[in-house]
Protein backbone atom coordinates (compact mmCIF):
# COMPACT_ATOMS: atom_id res chain seq x y z
CA UNK A 1 -49.12 -31.04 18.05
CA UNK A 2 -48.84 -27.85 16.12
CA UNK A 3 -49.67 -24.41 17.50
CA UNK A 4 -50.07 -21.12 15.75
CA UNK A 5 -48.61 -18.11 17.55
CA UNK A 6 -48.27 -14.45 16.66
CA UNK A 7 -44.85 -12.83 17.07
CA UNK A 8 -43.52 -9.41 16.30
CA UNK A 9 -40.97 -8.93 13.54
CA UNK A 10 -38.35 -8.17 16.18
CA UNK A 11 -39.04 -11.48 17.94
CA UNK A 12 -38.77 -13.42 14.69
CA UNK A 13 -35.47 -11.71 13.82
CA UNK A 14 -34.07 -12.38 17.30
CA UNK A 15 -35.13 -16.05 17.14
CA UNK A 16 -33.62 -16.43 13.69
CA UNK A 17 -30.33 -14.95 14.90
CA UNK A 18 -30.26 -17.32 17.89
CA UNK A 19 -31.19 -20.26 15.68
CA UNK A 20 -28.41 -19.49 13.25
CA UNK A 21 -25.86 -19.03 16.03
CA UNK A 22 -26.89 -22.27 17.76
CA UNK A 23 -27.46 -24.19 14.52
CA UNK A 24 -31.03 -25.02 15.51
CA UNK A 25 -34.39 -24.43 13.95
CA UNK A 26 -36.67 -21.67 15.14
CA UNK A 27 -39.18 -24.34 16.20
CA UNK A 28 -36.54 -26.09 18.33
CA UNK A 29 -35.77 -22.82 20.10
CA UNK A 30 -39.44 -22.16 20.78
CA UNK A 31 -39.92 -25.70 22.17
CA UNK A 32 -36.87 -25.24 24.43
CA UNK A 33 -38.21 -21.88 25.63
CA UNK A 34 -41.59 -23.43 26.45
CA UNK A 35 -39.93 -26.32 28.31
CA UNK A 36 -37.83 -23.87 30.34
CA UNK A 37 -40.87 -21.72 31.17
CA UNK A 38 -42.91 -24.73 32.29
CA UNK A 39 -40.06 -26.12 34.40
CA UNK A 40 -39.49 -22.77 36.16
CA UNK A 41 -43.18 -22.36 36.95
CA UNK A 42 -43.58 -25.94 38.16
CA UNK A 43 -40.56 -25.47 40.44
CA UNK A 44 -42.10 -22.26 41.83
CA UNK A 45 -45.34 -24.07 42.64
CA UNK A 46 -43.47 -26.81 44.48
CA UNK A 47 -41.37 -24.30 46.41
CA UNK A 48 -44.50 -22.35 47.41
CA UNK A 49 -45.65 -25.40 49.37
CA UNK A 50 -42.61 -25.52 51.65
CA UNK A 51 -43.11 -23.95 55.06
CA UNK A 52 -46.89 -23.79 54.95
CA UNK A 53 -47.23 -25.77 58.17
CA UNK A 54 -44.57 -23.72 59.99
CA UNK A 55 -46.96 -20.95 61.04
CA UNK A 56 -49.33 -23.34 62.80
CA UNK A 57 -49.38 -23.61 66.56
CA UNK A 58 -50.23 -27.33 66.57
CA UNK A 59 -47.55 -29.99 66.34
CA UNK A 60 -47.83 -31.74 62.97
CA UNK A 61 -47.63 -35.24 64.39
CA UNK A 62 -50.24 -34.49 67.06
CA UNK A 63 -52.55 -33.08 64.38
CA UNK A 64 -52.05 -36.19 62.26
CA UNK A 65 -52.90 -38.46 65.19
CA UNK A 66 -56.03 -36.41 65.96
CA UNK A 67 -57.28 -36.54 62.38
CA UNK A 68 -56.60 -40.26 62.06
CA UNK A 69 -58.44 -40.97 65.31
CA UNK A 70 -61.56 -39.48 63.74
CA UNK A 71 -61.65 -42.24 61.12
């Protein structure tokens, strides 16, 4: 899929310098940057879920048994 994005002249120059140094295309650098961004934000969402149950007063196993008994 293709996407059209607007960048400042400074961003284009910086990407071109990185591309030349790394012997990659500008598009390859942008794809890598997007992949990195998505991976970091996915990891943050997963990490946000840890410890959510810790503040509860009820034992997790007891709660599970109670909920299942309602079925």
